[in-house]
PDB file of N, CA and C in Angstrom:
ATOM      1  N   MET A   1       5.064  22.251   6.215  1.00  0.00           N
ATOM      2  CA  MET A   1       5.573  20.911   5.660  1.00  0.00           C
ATOM      3  C   MET A   1       4.648  20.831   4.279  1.00  0.00           C
ATOM      4  N   SER A   2       5.155  20.646   3.304  1.00  0.00           N
ATOM      5  CA  SER A   2       4.678  20.652   1.994  1.00  0.00           C
ATOM      6  C   SER A   2       3.603  19.063   2.191  1.00  0.00           C
ATOM      7  N   ASN A   3       2.732  19.355   1.391  1.00  0.00           N
ATOM      8  CA  ASN A   3       1.830  18.131   0.969  1.00  0.00           C
ATOM      9  C   ASN A   3       2.501  17.328  -0.008  1.00  0.00           C
ATOM     10  N   SER A   4       2.694  16.023   0.375  1.00  0.00           N
ATOM     11  CA  SER A   4       3.322  15.110  -0.467  1.00  0.00           C
ATOM     12  C   SER A   4       2.254  13.902  -0.726  1.00  0.00           C
ATOM     13  N   TRP A   5       2.289  13.246  -2.063  1.00  0.00           N
ATOM     14  CA  TRP A   5       1.548  11.830  -2.216  1.00  0.00           C
ATOM     15  C   TRP A   5       2.180  11.187  -1.447  1.00  0.00           C
ATOM     16  N   ARG A   6       3.161  10.983  -0.625  1.00  0.00           N
ATOM     17  CA  ARG A   6       3.728   9.920   0.119  1.00  0.00           C
ATOM     18  C   ARG A   6       3.113  10.000   1.472  1.00  0.00           C
ATOM     19  N   GLN A   7       2.344  11.118   2.000  1.00  0.00           N
ATOM     20  CA  GLN A   7       1.734  11.292   3.022  1.00  0.00           C
ATOM     21  C   GLN A   7       0.470  10.320   2.891  1.00  0.00           C
ATOM     22  N   TYR A   8      -0.207  10.348   1.724  1.00  0.00           N
ATOM     23  CA  TYR A   8      -1.515   9.596   1.504  1.00  0.00           C
ATOM     24  C   TYR A   8      -1.324   8.463   0.872  1.00  0.00           C
ATOM     25  N   GLN A   9       0.010   7.720   0.648  1.00  0.00           N
ATOM     26  CA  GLN A   9       0.479   6.678  -0.292  1.00  0.00           C
ATOM     27  C   GLN A   9      -0.408   5.277   0.336  1.00  0.00           C
ATOM     28  N   SER A  10      -0.679   5.184   1.628  1.00  0.00           N
ATOM     29  CA  SER A  10      -1.403   4.062   1.920  1.00  0.00           C
ATOM     30  C   SER A  10      -2.745   4.164   1.571  1.00  0.00           C
ATOM     31  N   TYR A  11      -3.381   5.300   1.776  1.00  0.00           N
ATOM     32  CA  TYR A  11      -4.890   5.400   1.376  1.00  0.00           C
ATOM     33  C   TYR A  11      -5.163   5.277  -0.068  1.00  0.00           C
ATOM     34  N   ILE A  12      -4.135   5.740  -0.770  1.00  0.00           N
ATOM     35  CA  ILE A  12      -4.425   5.645  -2.188  1.00  0.00           C
ATOM     36  C   ILE A  12      -4.120   4.026  -2.664  1.00  0.00           C
ATOM     37  N   TYR A  13      -3.156   3.475  -2.001  1.00  0.00           N
ATOM     38  CA  TYR A  13      -2.900   1.930  -2.249  1.00  0.00           C
ATOM     39  C   TYR A  13      -4.156   1.002  -1.677  1.00  0.00           C
ATOM     40  N   ILE A  14      -4.712   1.347  -0.673  1.00  0.00           N
ATOM     41  CA  ILE A  14      -5.918   0.638  -0.332  1.00  0.00           C
ATOM     42  C   ILE A  14      -7.321   1.048  -1.283  1.00  0.00           C
ATOM     43  N   VAL A  15      -7.247   2.124  -1.867  1.00  0.00           N
ATOM     44  CA  VAL A  15      -8.294   2.373  -2.770  1.00  0.00           C
ATOM     45  C   VAL A  15      -8.404   1.716  -4.093  1.00  0.00           C
ATOM     46  N   PHE A  16      -6.871   1.724  -4.667  1.00  0.00           N
ATOM     47  CA  PHE A  16      -6.709   0.752  -5.928  1.00  0.00           C
ATOM     48  C   PHE A  16      -6.942  -0.502  -5.601  1.00  0.00           C
ATOM     49  N   LEU A  17      -6.381  -0.949  -4.170  1.00  0.00           N
ATOM     50  CA  LEU A  17      -6.674  -2.471  -3.846  1.00  0.00           C
ATOM     51  C   LEU A  17      -8.019  -2.834  -3.879  1.00  0.00           C
ATOM     52  N   ALA A  18      -8.890  -1.991  -3.305  1.00  0.00           N
ATOM     53  CA  ALA A  18     -10.166  -2.224  -3.415  1.00  0.00           C
ATOM     54  C   ALA A  18     -11.068  -2.147  -4.761  1.00  0.00           C
ATOM     55  N   LEU A  19     -10.525  -1.569  -5.565  1.00  0.00           N
ATOM     56  CA  LEU A  19     -10.950  -1.515  -6.920  1.00  0.00           C
ATOM     57  C   LEU A  19     -10.648  -2.764  -7.699  1.00  0.00           C
ATOM     58  N   GLY A  20      -9.345  -2.942  -7.571  1.00  0.00           N
ATOM     59  CA  GLY A  20      -8.905  -4.421  -7.995  1.00  0.00           C
ATOM     60  C   GLY A  20      -9.781  -5.485  -7.757  1.00  0.00           C
ATOM     61  N   VAL A  21     -10.003  -5.641  -6.505  1.00  0.00           N
ATOM     62  CA  VAL A  21     -10.758  -6.732  -5.654  1.00  0.00           C
ATOM     63  C   VAL A  21     -12.198  -6.620  -6.374  1.00  0.00           C
ATOM     64  N   VAL A  22     -12.830  -5.706  -6.599  1.00  0.00           N
ATOM     65  CA  VAL A  22     -14.233  -5.616  -6.841  1.00  0.00           C
ATOM     66  C   VAL A  22     -14.224  -5.924  -8.302  1.00  0.00           C
ATOM     67  N   LEU A  23     -13.399  -5.389  -9.181  1.00  0.00           N
ATOM     68  CA  LEU A  23     -13.314  -5.808 -10.529  1.00  0.00           C
ATOM     69  C   LEU A  23     -12.983  -7.330 -10.778  1.00  0.00           C
ATOM     70  N   LEU A  24     -12.195  -7.934  -9.953  1.00  0.00           N
ATOM     71  CA  LEU A  24     -11.666  -9.339  -9.862  1.00  0.00           C
ATOM     72  C   LEU A  24     -12.821 -10.065  -9.369  1.00  0.00           C
ATOM     73  N   ILE A  25     -13.661  -9.705  -8.223  1.00  0.00           N
ATOM     74  CA  ILE A  25     -14.889 -10.455  -7.967  1.00  0.00           C
ATOM     75  C   ILE A  25     -15.989 -10.569  -9.138  1.00  0.00           C
ATOM     76  N   LEU A  26     -16.149  -9.265  -9.716  1.00  0.00           N
ATOM     77  CA  LEU A  26     -17.153  -9.163 -10.860  1.00  0.00           C
ATOM     78  C   LEU A  26     -16.808 -10.091 -11.849  1.00  0.00           C
ATOM     79  N   THR A  27     -15.519 -10.059 -12.410  1.00  0.00           N
ATOM     80  CA  THR A  27     -14.927 -10.761 -13.800  1.00  0.00           C
ATOM     81  C   THR A  27     -14.949 -12.200 -13.241  1.00  0.00           C
ATOM     82  N   ILE A  28     -14.584 -12.515 -12.028  1.00  0.00           N
ATOM     83  CA  ILE A  28     -14.619 -14.002 -11.749  1.00  0.00           C
ATOM     84  C   ILE A  28     -16.167 -14.360 -11.740  1.00  0.00           C
ATOM     85  N   ASN A  29     -16.794 -13.923 -11.330  1.00  0.00           N
ATOM     86  CA  ASN A  29     -18.433 -14.217 -11.304  1.00  0.00           C
ATOM     87  C   ASN A  29     -18.787 -14.354 -12.810  1.00  0.00           C
ATOM     88  N   ASP A  30     -18.528 -13.462 -13.645  1.00  0.00           N
ATOM     89  CA  ASP A  30     -18.855 -13.619 -15.068  1.00  0.00           C
ATOM     90  C   ASP A  30     -18.135 -14.566 -15.740  1.00  0.00           C
ATOM     91  N   LEU A  31     -17.163 -15.004 -15.492  1.00  0.00           N
ATOM     92  CA  LEU A  31     -16.177 -15.880 -16.176  1.00  0.00           C
ATOM     93  C   LEU A  31     -16.228 -17.388 -15.725  1.00  0.00           C
ATOM     94  N   ILE A  32     -16.184 -17.467 -14.549  1.00  0.00           N
ATOM     95  CA  ILE A  32     -15.918 -18.893 -13.754  1.00  0.00           C
ATOM     96  C   ILE A  32     -17.185 -19.136 -13.213  1.00  0.00           C
ATOM     97  N   VAL A  33     -17.767 -18.671 -12.198  1.00  0.00           N
ATOM     98  CA  VAL A  33     -18.668 -19.010 -11.112  1.00  0.00           C
ATOM     99  C   VAL A  33     -20.113 -18.800 -11.957  1.00  0.00           C
ATOM    100  N   ARG A  34     -20.414 -17.729 -12.535  1.00  0.00           N
ATOM    101  CA  ARG A  34     -21.810 -17.552 -13.224  1.00  0.00           C
ATOM    102  C   ARG A  34     -22.877 -17.765 -12.380  1.00  0.00           C
ATOM    103  N   ASN A  35     -22.682 -16.942 -11.111  1.00  0.00           N
ATOM    104  CA  ASN A  35     -23.943 -16.964 -10.116  1.00  0.00           C
ATOM    105  C   ASN A  35     -25.003 -15.999 -10.838  1.00  0.00           C
ATOM    106  N   PRO A  36     -26.141 -16.489 -11.082  1.00  0.00           N
ATOM    107  CA  PRO A  36     -27.190 -15.699 -11.755  1.00  0.00           C
ATOM    108  C   PRO A  36     -27.727 -14.721 -10.765  1.00  0.00           C
ATOM    109  N   ARG A  37     -27.935 -14.647  -9.331  1.00  0.00           N
ATOM    110  CA  ARG A  37     -28.200 -13.645  -8.661  1.00  0.00           C
ATOM    111  C   ARG A  37     -27.423 -12.380  -9.032  1.00  0.00           C
ATOM    112  N   LEU A  38     -26.016 -12.369  -8.954  1.00  0.00           N
ATOM    113  CA  LEU A  38     -25.354 -11.404  -9.208  1.00  0.00           C
ATOM    114  C   LEU A  38     -25.617 -10.732 -10.599  1.00  0.00           C
ATOM    115  N   LYS A  39     -25.703 -11.472 -11.431  1.00  0.00           N
ATOM    116  CA  LYS A  39     -26.025 -11.179 -12.924  1.00  0.00           C
ATOM    117  C   LYS A  39     -27.385 -10.331 -13.082  1.00  0.00           C
ATOM    118  N   SER A  40     -28.366 -10.830 -12.334  1.00  0.00           N
ATOM    119  CA  SER A  40     -29.576 -10.392 -12.384  1.00  0.00           C
ATOM    120  C   SER A  40     -29.758  -9.055 -11.470  1.00  0.00           C
ATOM    121  N   SER A  41     -28.908  -8.675 -10.640  1.00  0.00           N
ATOM    122  CA  SER A  41     -28.900  -7.662  -9.977  1.00  0.00           C
ATOM    123  C   SER A  41     -28.278  -6.628 -10.344  1.00  0.00           C
ATOM    124  N   GLY A  42     -27.565  -6.865 -11.398  1.00  0.00           N
ATOM    125  CA  GLY A  42     -26.738  -5.850 -12.302  1.00  0.00           C
ATOM    126  C   GLY A  42     -25.423  -5.554 -11.942  1.00  0.00           C
ATOM    127  N   PHE A  43     -24.935  -6.649 -10.895  1.00  0.00           N
ATOM    128  CA  PHE A  43     -23.440  -6.328 -10.765  1.00  0.00           C
ATOM    129  C   PHE A  43     -22.741  -7.417 -11.788  1.00  0.00           C
ATOM    130  N   THR A  44     -22.411  -6.998 -13.132  1.00  0.00           N
ATOM    131  CA  THR A  44     -21.960  -7.766 -14.197  1.00  0.00           C
ATOM    132  C   THR A  44     -21.161  -6.940 -15.104  1.00  0.00           C
ATOM    133  N   LEU A  45     -20.118  -7.493 -15.668  1.00  0.00           N
ATOM    134  CA  LEU A  45     -19.304  -6.664 -16.631  1.00  0.00           C
ATOM    135  C   LEU A  45     -19.436  -7.516 -18.292  1.00  0.00           C
ATOM    136  N   ALA A  46     -20.460  -8.191 -18.068  1.00  0.00           N
ATOM    137  CA  ALA A  46     -20.984  -8.864 -19.261  1.00  0.00           C
ATOM    138  C   ALA A  46     -21.008  -8.015 -20.641  1.00  0.00           C
ATOM    139  N   PHE A  47     -21.473  -6.780 -20.471  1.00  0.00           N
ATOM    140  CA  PHE A  47     -21.662  -5.912 -21.590  1.00  0.00           C
ATOM    141  C   PHE A  47     -20.298  -5.602 -22.106  1.00  0.00           C
ATOM    142  N   THR A  48     -19.133  -5.989 -21.612  1.00  0.00           N
ATOM    143  CA  THR A  48     -17.789  -5.505 -22.330  1.00  0.00           C
ATOM    144  C   THR A  48     -17.375  -6.476 -23.131  1.00  0.00           C
ATOM    145  N   GLY A  49     -18.222  -7.736 -23.124  1.00  0.00           N
ATOM    146  CA  GLY A  49     -17.831  -8.652 -24.302  1.00  0.00           C
ATOM    147  C   GLY A  49     -16.673  -9.585 -24.156  1.00  0.00           C
ATOM    148  N   ALA A  50     -15.711  -9.567 -24.975  1.00  0.00           N
ATOM    149  CA  ALA A  50     -14.445 -10.241 -24.856  1.00  0.00           C
ATOM    150  C   ALA A  50     -13.576  -9.448 -24.193  1.00  0.00           C
ATOM    151  N   TRP A  51     -13.782  -8.313 -23.889  1.00  0.00           N
ATOM    152  CA  TRP A  51     -12.815  -7.444 -23.383  1.00  0.00           C
ATOM    153  C   TRP A  51     -12.750  -7.901 -21.661  1.00  0.00           C
ATOM    154  N   GLU A  52     -13.830  -8.684 -21.254  1.00  0.00           N
ATOM    155  CA  GLU A  52     -13.892  -8.913 -19.974  1.00  0.00           C
ATOM    156  C   GLU A  52     -12.672  -9.777 -19.556  1.00  0.00           C
ATOM    157  N   THR A  53     -12.106 -10.521 -20.324  1.00  0.00           N
ATOM    158  CA  THR A  53     -10.817 -11.528 -20.088  1.00  0.00           C
ATOM    159  C   THR A  53      -9.726 -10.575 -19.627  1.00  0.00           C
ATOM    160  N   TRP A  54      -9.593  -9.477 -20.482  1.00  0.00           N
ATOM    161  CA  TRP A  54      -8.592  -8.339 -20.096  1.00  0.00           C
ATOM    162  C   TRP A  54      -8.907  -7.599 -18.984  1.00  0.00           C
ATOM    163  N   ILE A  55     -10.017  -7.380 -18.643  1.00  0.00           N
ATOM    164  CA  ILE A  55     -10.301  -6.470 -17.322  1.00  0.00           C
ATOM    165  C   ILE A  55      -9.976  -7.666 -16.285  1.00  0.00           C
ATOM    166  N   PHE A  56     -10.317  -8.810 -16.324  1.00  0.00           N
ATOM    167  CA  PHE A  56     -10.009  -9.857 -15.198  1.00  0.00           C
ATOM    168  C   PHE A  56      -8.485  -9.880 -15.156  1.00  0.00           C
ATOM    169  N   ALA A  57      -7.879  -9.892 -16.269  1.00  0.00           N
ATOM    170  CA  ALA A  57      -6.072  -9.895 -16.046  1.00  0.00           C
ATOM    171  C   ALA A  57      -5.690  -8.665 -15.333  1.00  0.00           C
ATOM    172  N   LEU A  58      -6.161  -7.368 -15.990  1.00  0.00           N
ATOM    173  CA  LEU A  58      -5.851  -6.046 -15.312  1.00  0.00           C
ATOM    174  C   LEU A  58      -6.255  -6.149 -13.877  1.00  0.00           C
ATOM    175  N   ALA A  59      -7.100  -6.613 -13.681  1.00  0.00           N
ATOM    176  CA  ALA A  59      -7.788  -6.673 -12.046  1.00  0.00           C
ATOM    177  C   ALA A  59      -7.188  -7.460 -11.193  1.00  0.00           C
ATOM    178  N   LEU A  60      -6.226  -8.545 -11.721  1.00  0.00           N
ATOM    179  CA  LEU A  60      -5.741  -9.507 -10.964  1.00  0.00           C
ATOM    180  C   LEU A  60      -4.218  -8.833 -10.827  1.00  0.00           C
ATOM    181  N   VAL A  61      -3.800  -8.084 -11.855  1.00  0.00           N
ATOM    182  CA  VAL A  61      -2.394  -7.342 -11.676  1.00  0.00           C
ATOM    183  C   VAL A  61      -2.625  -6.323 -10.825  1.00  0.00           C
ATOM    184  N   ILE A  62      -3.716  -5.495 -10.911  1.00  0.00           N
ATOM    185  CA  ILE A  62      -3.984  -4.444  -9.867  1.00  0.00           C
ATOM    186  C   ILE A  62      -4.102  -4.825  -8.495  1.00  0.00           C
ATOM    187  N   THR A  63      -4.742  -5.956  -8.294  1.00  0.00           N
ATOM    188  CA  THR A  63      -4.927  -6.624  -6.977  1.00  0.00           C
ATOM    189  C   THR A  63      -3.685  -6.872  -6.236  1.00  0.00           C
ATOM    190  N   VAL A  64      -2.811  -7.854  -6.939  1.00  0.00           N
ATOM    191  CA  VAL A  64      -1.474  -8.175  -6.490  1.00  0.00           C
ATOM    192  C   VAL A  64      -0.434  -7.023  -6.186  1.00  0.00           C
ATOM    193  N   LEU A  65      -0.543  -6.254  -7.349  1.00  0.00           N
ATOM    194  CA  LEU A  65       0.445  -5.246  -7.178  1.00  0.00           C
ATOM    195  C   LEU A  65       0.264  -4.256  -5.976  1.00  0.00           C
ATOM    196  N   PHE A  66      -1.043  -3.734  -5.857  1.00  0.00           N
ATOM    197  CA  PHE A  66      -1.230  -2.861  -4.520  1.00  0.00           C
ATOM    198  C   PHE A  66      -1.350  -3.700  -3.388  1.00  0.00           C
ATOM    199  N   ALA A  67      -1.863  -4.871  -3.272  1.00  0.00           N
ATOM    200  CA  ALA A  67      -1.536  -5.608  -2.095  1.00  0.00           C
ATOM    201  C   ALA A  67      -0.287  -5.705  -1.588  1.00  0.00           C
ATOM    202  N   TYR A  68       0.775  -5.828  -2.738  1.00  0.00           N
ATOM    203  CA  TYR A  68       2.397  -6.035  -2.207  1.00  0.00           C
ATOM    204  C   TYR A  68       2.900  -4.536  -1.960  1.00  0.00           C
ATOM    205  N   TYR A  69       2.181  -3.283  -2.419  1.00  0.00           N
ATOM    206  CA  TYR A  69       2.632  -2.086  -2.083  1.00  0.00           C
ATOM    207  C   TYR A  69       2.295  -1.683  -0.842  1.00  0.00           C
ATOM    208  N   TYR A  70       1.044  -1.804  -0.346  1.00  0.00           N
ATOM    209  CA  TYR A  70       0.122  -1.666   0.794  1.00  0.00           C
ATOM    210  C   TYR A  70       0.978  -2.458   2.165  1.00  0.00           C
ATOM    211  N   GLY A  71       1.296  -3.935   1.720  1.00  0.00           N
ATOM    212  CA  GLY A  71       1.970  -4.364   2.712  1.00  0.00           C
ATOM    213  C   GLY A  71       3.368  -4.046   2.995  1.00  0.00           C
ATOM    214  N   LYS A  72       4.185  -3.468   1.725  1.00  0.00           N
ATOM    215  CA  LYS A  72       5.326  -2.818   2.012  1.00  0.00           C
ATOM    216  C   LYS A  72       5.223  -1.618   3.132  1.00  0.00           C
ATOM    217  N   VAL A  73       4.368  -0.889   2.806  1.00  0.00           N
ATOM    218  CA  VAL A  73       4.332   0.351   3.505  1.00  0.00           C
ATOM    219  C   VAL A  73       3.811   0.182   5.049  1.00  0.00           C
ATOM    220  N   VAL A  74       3.128  -1.025   5.198  1.00  0.00           N
ATOM    221  CA  VAL A  74       2.887  -1.371   6.553  1.00  0.00           C
ATOM    222  C   VAL A  74       3.968  -2.016   7.191  1.00  0.00           C
ATOM    223  N   ARG A  75       4.859  -2.782   6.698  1.00  0.00           N
ATOM    224  CA  ARG A  75       6.065  -3.421   7.080  1.00  0.00           C
ATOM    225  C   ARG A  75       7.137  -2.291   7.374  1.00  0.00           C
ATOM    226  N   GLU A  76       7.154  -1.225   6.568  1.00  0.00           N
ATOM    227  CA  GLU A  76       8.337  -0.342   6.606  1.00  0.00           C
ATOM    228  C   GLU A  76       7.692   0.719   7.828  1.00  0.00           C
ATOM    229  N   THR A  77       6.539   0.810   7.995  1.00  0.00           N
ATOM    230  CA  THR A  77       5.842   1.674   9.239  1.00  0.00           C
ATOM    231  C   THR A  77       6.362   0.875  10.325  1.00  0.00           C
ATOM    232  N   LYS A  78       5.920  -0.268  10.584  1.00  0.00           N
ATOM    233  CA  LYS A  78       6.074  -1.057  11.766  1.00  0.00           C
ATOM    234  C   LYS A  78       7.750  -0.878  12.206  1.00  0.00           C
ATOM    235  N   LYS A  79       8.652  -1.233  11.152  1.00  0.00           N
ATOM    236  CA  LYS A  79      10.226  -1.425  11.244  1.00  0.00           C
ATOM    237  C   LYS A  79      10.610   0.185  11.633  1.00  0.00           C
ATOM    238  N   PHE A  80      10.025   1.060  11.269  1.00  0.00           N
ATOM    239  CA  PHE A  80      10.493   2.447  11.427  1.00  0.00           C
ATOM    240  C   PHE A  80      10.288   2.810  12.805  1.00  0.00           C
ATOM    241  N   HIS A  81       9.041   2.411  13.377  1.00  0.00           N
ATOM    242  CA  HIS A  81       8.572   2.617  14.634  1.00  0.00           C
ATOM    243  C   HIS A  81       9.452   1.755  15.701  1.00  0.00           C
ATOM    244  N   SER A  82       9.630   0.476  15.334  1.00  0.00           N
ATOM    245  CA  SER A  82      10.315  -0.265  16.103  1.00  0.00           C
ATOM    246  C   SER A  82      11.824   0.094  16.524  1.00  0.00           C
ATOM    247  N   LEU A  83      12.347   0.719  15.368  1.00  0.00           N
ATOM    248  CA  LEU A  83      13.843   0.999  15.208  1.00  0.00           C
ATOM    249  C   LEU A  83      13.725   2.688  16.062  1.00  0.00           C
ATOM    250  N   ILE A  84      12.885   3.198  15.754  1.00  0.00           N
ATOM    251  CA  ILE A  84      13.090   4.587  16.373  1.00  0.00           C
ATOM    252  C   ILE A  84      12.917   4.723  17.836  1.00  0.00           C
ATOM    253  N   SER A  85      11.943   3.818  18.147  1.00  0.00           N
ATOM    254  CA  SER A  85      11.626   3.636  19.749  1.00  0.00           C
ATOM    255  C   SER A  85      12.665   3.048  20.552  1.00  0.00           C
ATOM    256  N   SER A  86      13.727   2.600  19.890  1.00  0.00           N
ATOM    257  CA  SER A  86      14.902   1.863  20.600  1.00  0.00           C
ATOM    258  C   SER A  86      15.327   2.629  21.561  1.00  0.00           C
ATOM    259  N   SER A  87      15.742   2.101  22.753  1.00  0.00           N
ATOM    260  CA  SER A  87      15.991   2.578  24.265  1.00  0.00           C
ATOM    261  C   SER A  87      17.605   2.707  23.901  1.00  0.00           C
ATOM    262  N   SER A  88      18.275   2.091  22.912  1.00  0.00           N
ATOM    263  CA  SER A  88      19.675   2.248  22.719  1.00  0.00           C
ATOM    264  C   SER A  88      20.150   3.015  21.579  1.00  0.00           C
ATOM    265  N   LYS A  89      21.028   3.986  22.001  1.00  0.00           N
ATOM    266  CA  LYS A  89      21.580   5.020  21.226  1.00  0.00           C
ATOM    267  C   LYS A  89      22.567   4.057  19.924  1.00  0.00           C
ATOM    268  N   HIS A  90      23.139   3.091  20.559  1.00  0.00           N
ATOM    269  CA  HIS A  90      24.121   2.393  19.536  1.00  0.00           C
ATOM    270  C   HIS A  90      23.161   1.667  18.501  1.00  0.00           C
ATOM    271  N   ASN A  91      22.069   1.078  19.008  1.00  0.00           N
ATOM    272  CA  ASN A  91      21.223   0.524  17.989  1.00  0.00           C
ATOM    273  C   ASN A  91      20.469   1.399  16.922  1.00  0.00           C
ATOM    274  N   PHE A  92      20.269   2.660  17.638  1.00  0.00           N
ATOM    275  CA  PHE A  92      19.741   3.960  16.813  1.00  0.00           C
ATOM    276  C   PHE A  92      20.805   4.284  15.508  1.00  0.00           C
ATOM    277  N   VAL A  93      21.695   4.434  16.150  1.00  0.00           N
ATOM    278  CA  VAL A  93      23.060   4.846  15.140  1.00  0.00           C
ATOM    279  C   VAL A  93      23.468   3.749  14.122  1.00  0.00           C
ATOM    280  N   LYS A  94      23.191   2.693  14.623  1.00  0.00           N
ATOM    281  CA  LYS A  94      23.741   1.348  13.810  1.00  0.00           C
ATOM    282  C   LYS A  94      22.544   1.438  12.668  1.00  0.00           C
ATOM    283  N   ASN A  95      21.302   1.668  12.970  1.00  0.00           N
ATOM    284  CA  ASN A  95      20.291   1.519  11.897  1.00  0.00           C
ATOM    285  C   ASN A  95      19.653   2.899  11.352  1.00  0.00           C
ATOM    286  N   LEU A  96      20.623   3.841  11.441  1.00  0.00           N
ATOM    287  CA  LEU A  96      20.558   5.081  11.075  1.00  0.00           C
ATOM    288  C   LEU A  96      20.227   5.271   9.357  1.00  0.00           C
ATOM    289  N   ARG A  97      21.164   4.664   8.727  1.00  0.00           N
ATOM    290  CA  ARG A  97      21.107   4.647   7.153  1.00  0.00           C
ATOM    291  C   ARG A  97      19.675   4.053   6.905  1.00  0.00           C
ATOM    292  N   GLU A  98      19.328   2.920   7.442  1.00  0.00           N
ATOM    293  CA  GLU A  98      18.165   2.275   7.011  1.00  0.00           C
ATOM    294  C   GLU A  98      16.845   3.112   7.558  1.00  0.00           C
ATOM    295  N   LEU A  99      17.066   3.883   8.935  1.00  0.00           N
ATOM    296  CA  LEU A  99      16.002   4.788   8.996  1.00  0.00           C
ATOM    297  C   LEU A  99      15.640   5.920   8.037  1.00  0.00           C
ATOM    298  N   GLN A 100      16.851   6.275   7.624  1.00  0.00           N
ATOM    299  CA  GLN A 100      16.749   7.334   6.606  1.00  0.00           C
ATOM    300  C   GLN A 100      16.032   7.103   5.340  1.00  0.00           C
ATOM    301  N   THR A 101      16.301   5.827   4.937  1.00  0.00           N
ATOM    302  CA  THR A 101      15.881   5.276   3.637  1.00  0.00           C
ATOM    303  C   THR A 101      14.233   5.302   3.827  1.00  0.00           C
ATOM    304  N   ILE A 102      13.913   4.404   5.072  1.00  0.00           N
ATOM    305  CA  ILE A 102      12.331   4.123   5.156  1.00  0.00           C
ATOM    306  C   ILE A 102      11.763   5.586   5.396  1.00  0.00           C
ATOM    307  N   ALA A 103      12.393   6.761   6.059  1.00  0.00           N
ATOM    308  CA  ALA A 103      11.585   8.012   6.259  1.00  0.00           C
ATOM    309  C   ALA A 103      11.471   8.482   4.677  1.00  0.00           C
ATOM    310  N   MET A 104      12.486   8.531   4.046  1.00  0.00           N
ATOM    311  CA  MET A 104      12.444   9.059   2.607  1.00  0.00           C
ATOM    312  C   MET A 104      11.292   8.401   1.959  1.00  0.00           C
ATOM    313  N   HIS A 105      11.079   6.959   2.074  1.00  0.00           N
ATOM    314  CA  HIS A 105       9.922   6.344   1.268  1.00  0.00           C
ATOM    315  C   HIS A 105       8.618   6.643   1.777  1.00  0.00           C
ATOM    316  N   LEU A 106       8.355   6.701   3.023  1.00  0.00           N
ATOM    317  CA  LEU A 106       7.170   7.214   4.105  1.00  0.00           C
ATOM    318  C   LEU A 106       6.837   8.610   3.719  1.00  0.00           C
ATOM    319  N   GLY A 107       7.661   9.504   3.760  1.00  0.00           N
ATOM    320  CA  GLY A 107       7.124  10.975   3.403  1.00  0.00           C
ATOM    321  C   GLY A 107       7.630  11.657   4.512  1.00  0.00           C
ATOM    322  N   PRO A 108       7.174  13.073   4.496  1.00  0.00           N
ATOM    323  CA  PRO A 108       7.886  14.037   5.440  1.00  0.00           C
ATOM    324  C   PRO A 108       7.305  13.808   6.828  1.00  0.00           C
ATOM    325  N   LYS A 109       6.324  13.269   7.223  1.00  0.00           N
ATOM    326  CA  LYS A 109       5.971  13.078   8.429  1.00  0.00           C
ATOM    327  C   LYS A 109       6.844  12.092   9.331  1.00  0.00           C
ATOM    328  N   TYR A 110       7.451  11.167   8.491  1.00  0.00           N
ATOM    329  CA  TYR A 110       8.439  10.056   9.236  1.00  0.00           C
ATOM    330  C   TYR A 110       9.998  10.940   8.993  1.00  0.00           C
ATOM    331  N   GLN A 111      10.017  11.830   8.242  1.00  0.00           N
ATOM    332  CA  GLN A 111      11.228  12.344   8.128  1.00  0.00           C
ATOM    333  C   GLN A 111      11.466  13.489   9.361  1.00  0.00           C
ATOM    334  N   ALA A 112      10.507  14.026   9.703  1.00  0.00           N
ATOM    335  CA  ALA A 112      10.218  14.853  10.745  1.00  0.00           C
ATOM    336  C   ALA A 112      10.643  14.114  12.421  1.00  0.00           C
ATOM    337  N   LEU A 113       9.979  12.889  12.023  1.00  0.00           N
ATOM    338  CA  LEU A 113       9.995  11.960  13.429  1.00  0.00           C
ATOM    339  C   LEU A 113      11.551  11.466  13.593  1.00  0.00           C
ATOM    340  N   LEU A 114      12.093  11.287  12.462  1.00  0.00           N
ATOM    341  CA  LEU A 114      13.610  10.740  12.445  1.00  0.00           C
ATOM    342  C   LEU A 114      14.439  12.032  12.983  1.00  0.00           C
ATOM    343  N   LYS A 115      13.897  13.207  12.420  1.00  0.00           N
ATOM    344  CA  LYS A 115      14.689  14.391  12.814  1.00  0.00           C
ATOM    345  C   LYS A 115      14.747  14.638  14.384  1.00  0.00           C
ATOM    346  N   GLU A 116      13.650  14.535  14.846  1.00  0.00           N
ATOM    347  CA  GLU A 116      13.234  14.897  16.148  1.00  0.00           C
ATOM    348  C   GLU A 116      14.184  13.617  17.060  1.00  0.00           C
ATOM    349  N   SER A 117      14.112  12.456  16.585  1.00  0.00           N
ATOM    350  CA  SER A 117      14.998  11.494  17.175  1.00  0.00           C
ATOM    351  C   SER A 117      16.467  11.632  17.165  1.00  0.00           C
ATOM    352  N   MET A 118      16.948  12.171  16.123  1.00  0.00           N
ATOM    353  CA  MET A 118      18.327  12.417  15.867  1.00  0.00           C
ATOM    354  C   MET A 118      18.500  13.593  16.870  1.00  0.00           C
ATOM    355  N   GLU A 119      17.751  14.608  17.064  1.00  0.00           N
ATOM    356  CA  GLU A 119      18.235  15.580  17.976  1.00  0.00           C
ATOM    357  C   GLU A 119      18.091  14.938  19.492  1.00  0.00           C
ATOM    358  N   LYS A 120      17.245  13.988  19.616  1.00  0.00           N
ATOM    359  CA  LYS A 120      17.199  13.589  21.081  1.00  0.00           C
ATOM    360  C   LYS A 120      18.479  12.766  21.216  1.00  0.00           C
ATOM    361  N   TRP A 121      18.914  12.098  20.217  1.00  0.00           N
ATOM    362  CA  TRP A 121      20.141  11.203  20.619  1.00  0.00           C
ATOM    363  C   TRP A 121      21.364  12.012  20.161  1.00  0.00           C
ATOM    364  N   LYS A 122      21.224  13.399  19.853  1.00  0.00           N
ATOM    365  CA  LYS A 122      22.452  14.149  19.610  1.00  0.00           C
ATOM    366  C   LYS A 122      23.445  13.354  18.185  1.00  0.00           C
ATOM    367  N   VAL A 123      22.593  12.970  17.404  1.00  0.00           N
ATOM    368  CA  VAL A 123      23.346  12.447  16.223  1.00  0.00           C
ATOM    369  C   VAL A 123      23.081  13.338  14.787  1.00  0.00           C
ATOM    370  N   LYS A 124      24.090  13.475  14.140  1.00  0.00           N
ATOM    371  CA  LYS A 124      24.116  14.332  13.096  1.00  0.00           C
ATOM    372  C   LYS A 124      23.709  13.264  11.830  1.00  0.00           C
TER     373      LYS A 124
END
């Protein structure tokens, strides 16, 4: 199986989500809360000057965007496993198109699982 970025997409989304949250916390502290303990310990972005507002906006967008992407991957994974573990061939065949779409989005591991299930149910 070839390595695809889709195999690691949930990890990538978590890393970018964590980066966005850290930047968001730092900029919220500098712009709104102004906690002197964080500033005196060196956790500040005040050296960026007026750019800190733009960093805040970027951090907010990154956090929301990657939280959505990670949530989407988790939802699709749960849905895939619930549909593929169905004990009914009719239910499996009825949802086959959706399973193929989800497997394509989730990567080669899930495509292989779908292929195994299709062979198990003898579906082409």
